[in-house]
Protein backbone atom coordinates (compact mmCIF):
# COMPACT_ATOMS: atom_id res chain seq x y z
CA MET A 1 0.04 0.00 -0.06
CA LYS A 2 2.83 2.36 0.87
CA LYS A 3 4.36 2.07 -2.63
CA THR A 4 0.94 2.71 -4.20
CA LEU A 5 0.50 5.74 -1.95
CA VAL A 6 3.87 7.18 -2.90
CA VAL A 7 3.39 6.55 -6.58
CA SER A 8 -0.05 8.09 -6.67
CA VAL A 9 1.10 11.07 -4.68
CA LEU A 10 4.07 11.60 -6.93
CA ALA A 11 1.79 11.39 -9.94
CA LEU A 12 -0.50 13.97 -8.35
CA VAL A 13 2.33 16.31 -7.56
CA LEU A 14 4.09 15.99 -10.91
CA GLY A 15 0.74 16.39 -12.63
CA THR A 16 -0.30 19.56 -10.73
CA GLY A 17 3.08 21.26 -10.35
CA SER A 18 4.87 22.37 -7.22
CA VAL A 19 3.71 24.38 -4.28
CA ALA A 20 5.51 27.69 -4.17
CA GLY A 21 5.07 31.23 -2.66
CA CYS A 22 2.90 32.55 0.19
CA SER A 23 -0.40 32.33 -1.69
CA ALA A 24 0.25 28.65 -2.53
CA ALA A 25 0.99 27.96 1.12
CA SER A 26 -2.22 29.69 2.08
CA ASN A 27 -4.09 27.68 -0.49
CA TRP A 28 -2.43 24.55 0.85
CA TRP A 29 -3.63 25.40 4.39
CA GLN A 30 -7.22 26.07 3.22
CA ASN A 31 -7.09 22.69 1.40
CA PHE A 32 -5.58 21.11 4.44
CA GLN A 33 -8.51 22.24 6.49
CA ALA A 34 -10.95 20.78 3.96
CA ASN A 35 -9.08 17.56 3.36
CA PRO A 36 -6.17 16.90 5.69
CA VAL A 37 -5.48 13.42 4.31
CA ALA A 38 -4.91 14.58 0.74
CA GLN A 39 -2.83 17.51 1.89
CA VAL A 40 -0.59 15.30 4.06
CA GLN A 41 -0.02 13.21 1.04
CA THR A 42 1.09 16.36 -0.88
CA PHE A 43 3.43 17.16 2.00
CA GLU A 44 4.81 13.70 2.01
CA SER A 45 5.59 13.82 -1.72
CA THR A 46 7.42 17.07 -1.17
CA VAL A 47 9.53 15.39 1.48
CA GLN A 48 10.19 12.43 -0.73
CA ILE A 49 11.25 14.47 -3.74
CA GLY A 50 13.49 16.59 -1.49
CA LEU A 51 15.01 13.57 0.18
CA ASN A 52 15.73 11.97 -3.24
CA SER A 53 17.44 15.26 -4.32
CA ALA A 54 19.39 15.43 -1.00
CA GLN A 55 20.63 11.91 -1.47
CA ALA A 56 21.86 12.72 -4.97
CA ALA A 57 23.64 15.77 -3.54
CA TRP A 58 25.27 13.53 -0.85
CA THR A 59 26.56 11.12 -3.44
CA PHE A 60 28.23 14.05 -5.18
CA LEU A 61 29.71 15.26 -1.94
CA GLN A 62 31.13 11.96 -0.66
CA PRO A 63 34.56 12.43 -2.22
CA TYR A 64 34.87 15.72 -0.41
CA LEU A 65 34.53 14.14 3.07
CA PRO A 66 37.60 13.98 5.14
CA ALA A 67 39.01 10.56 4.47
CA ALA A 68 39.66 9.58 8.09
CA GLN A 69 36.13 10.43 9.14
CA ALA A 70 34.20 9.56 5.91
CA ALA A 71 32.68 6.32 7.15
CA GLN A 72 31.45 7.92 10.36
CA ILE A 73 30.04 11.01 8.61
CA ASN A 74 28.39 8.85 5.95
CA GLN A 75 26.80 6.67 8.73
CA THR A 76 25.53 9.83 10.50
CA PHE A 77 23.91 10.96 7.17
CA LEU A 78 22.33 7.53 6.64
CA ASN A 79 21.02 7.57 10.20
CA VAL A 80 19.35 10.99 9.60
CA VAL A 81 17.85 9.74 6.33
CA ALA A 82 16.43 6.74 8.21
CA THR A 83 14.90 9.13 10.73
CA VAL A 84 13.20 11.00 7.91
CA ASN A 85 11.87 7.71 6.58
CA HIS A 86 10.80 6.58 9.98
CA SER A 87 9.01 9.91 10.59
CA LEU A 88 7.28 9.47 7.25
CA THR A 89 6.14 5.96 8.21
CA LEU A 90 4.68 7.30 11.49
CA LEU A 91 2.84 9.93 9.50
CA ASN A 92 1.54 7.35 7.02
CA ASP A 93 0.38 5.14 9.89
CA ALA A 94 -1.44 8.19 11.39
CA VAL A 95 -3.11 8.92 8.05
CA ALA A 96 -4.16 5.33 7.66
CA ALA A 97 -5.55 5.19 11.14
CA ALA A 98 -7.46 8.44 10.58
CA ILE A 99 -8.93 7.07 7.38
CA ALA A 100 -9.84 3.73 9.03
CA ALA A 101 -11.44 5.55 11.99
CA GLU A 102 -13.15 7.97 9.68
CA THR A 103 -11.81 10.90 11.87
CA PRO A 104 -13.47 13.99 10.59
CA ASN A 105 -10.72 16.52 11.37
CA PRO A 106 -7.43 14.70 12.12
CA ASN A 107 -4.47 16.74 13.31
CA PHE A 108 -1.16 15.70 11.77
CA GLY A 109 0.69 18.89 12.65
CA ALA A 110 3.13 17.45 15.22
CA LEU A 111 4.03 14.52 12.97
CA MET A 112 4.46 16.78 9.92
CA GLN A 113 6.77 19.01 11.98
CA ALA A 114 8.82 16.01 13.04
CA VAL A 115 9.23 14.95 9.42
CA SER A 116 10.22 18.52 8.42
CA ASP A 117 12.71 18.78 11.25
CA ALA A 118 14.34 15.47 10.32
CA PHE A 119 14.54 16.51 6.62
CA ASN A 120 16.22 19.83 7.69
CA GLN A 121 18.79 17.80 9.59
CA VAL A 122 19.73 16.08 6.34
CA LEU A 123 20.26 19.54 4.76
CA ALA A 124 22.31 20.72 7.71
CA ILE A 125 24.70 17.72 7.29
CA ILE A 126 25.01 18.55 3.61
CA ALA A 127 25.69 22.25 4.38
CA GLN A 128 28.77 21.25 6.46
CA TYR A 129 30.37 19.92 3.28
CA THR A 130 29.66 22.79 0.97
CA THR A 131 30.49 26.52 0.85
CA PRO A 132 27.83 29.15 0.50
CA ALA A 133 26.99 30.37 -2.96
CA ALA A 134 28.29 33.85 -2.07
CA VAL A 135 30.89 35.08 0.32
CA ASP A 136 32.10 38.42 1.57
CA GLY A 137 28.90 40.36 1.18
CA GLY A 138 27.71 38.81 -2.11
CA ALA A 139 30.97 38.25 -3.96
CA PRO A 140 30.98 35.02 -6.03
CA ALA A 141 32.29 31.95 -4.33
CA PRO A 142 35.56 30.57 -5.76
CA ALA A 143 35.44 27.46 -7.93
CA THR A 144 36.11 25.35 -4.90
CA GLY A 145 35.30 26.72 -1.39
CA LYS A 146 36.99 26.80 1.97
CA MET A 147 39.09 23.68 2.56
CA GLY A 148 38.38 22.38 -1.01
CA LEU A 149 34.66 22.11 -0.46
CA PRO A 150 32.41 22.70 -3.59
CA PRO A 151 30.16 25.72 -3.55
CA ALA A 152 26.51 24.79 -2.73
CA ALA A 153 25.38 26.14 -6.03
CA SER A 154 27.44 23.55 -7.90
CA VAL A 155 26.06 20.48 -6.08
CA PRO A 156 23.59 18.57 -8.21
CA GLY A 157 20.27 18.06 -6.55
CA LEU A 158 20.94 20.53 -3.64
CA ALA A 159 18.85 23.29 -5.05
CA ASP A 160 15.85 20.96 -5.36
CA ALA A 161 16.33 19.73 -1.85
CA GLN A 162 16.56 23.33 -0.52
CA ASP A 163 13.41 24.15 -2.56
CA ALA A 164 11.60 21.25 -0.81
CA SER A 165 12.70 22.54 2.54
CA SER A 166 11.36 25.95 1.75
CA ARG A 167 8.07 24.52 0.71
CA LEU A 168 7.87 22.52 3.90
CA LYS A 169 8.42 25.68 5.87
CA ALA A 170 5.67 27.39 3.91
CA TYR A 171 3.27 24.64 4.92
CA PHE A 172 3.46 25.75 8.55
CA GLN A 173 3.05 29.43 7.83
CA HIS A 174 -0.62 29.76 7.59
């Protein structure tokens, strides 16, 4: 069932476009009040797309990890990804329970916040191994950043993961 849910949600999101901007977040909140289950599924698809992008970025960054600590750093990253997936599972279970119980106005806010927080931890780990896109008050970053780390703007998938994070934050600003 979980695979079917993820596939149908991805089809829904890819078919309708992404949620962006304040008015979109406001519309999302209005839709959430009307149909929380469907909107949680939209939220989950945003997380899944962002997580896939973050994992692509991490694959790109692995050669930049300090060799002596690479295994430990990679394990930390994998643990945080597992936390995101576990949080998504808990949210999916809550949605399934709400559907089964025919709960008229379920509240998934705390579980959604936990998923968002875990996803942002993934991005925080990635940020440790990139340099900002601009330094010194807006000057372009060098081709390779401090200590040989790549600029964030050059990391494939990172912009999409950061976009997903922005959209997750917008979901909570109603």
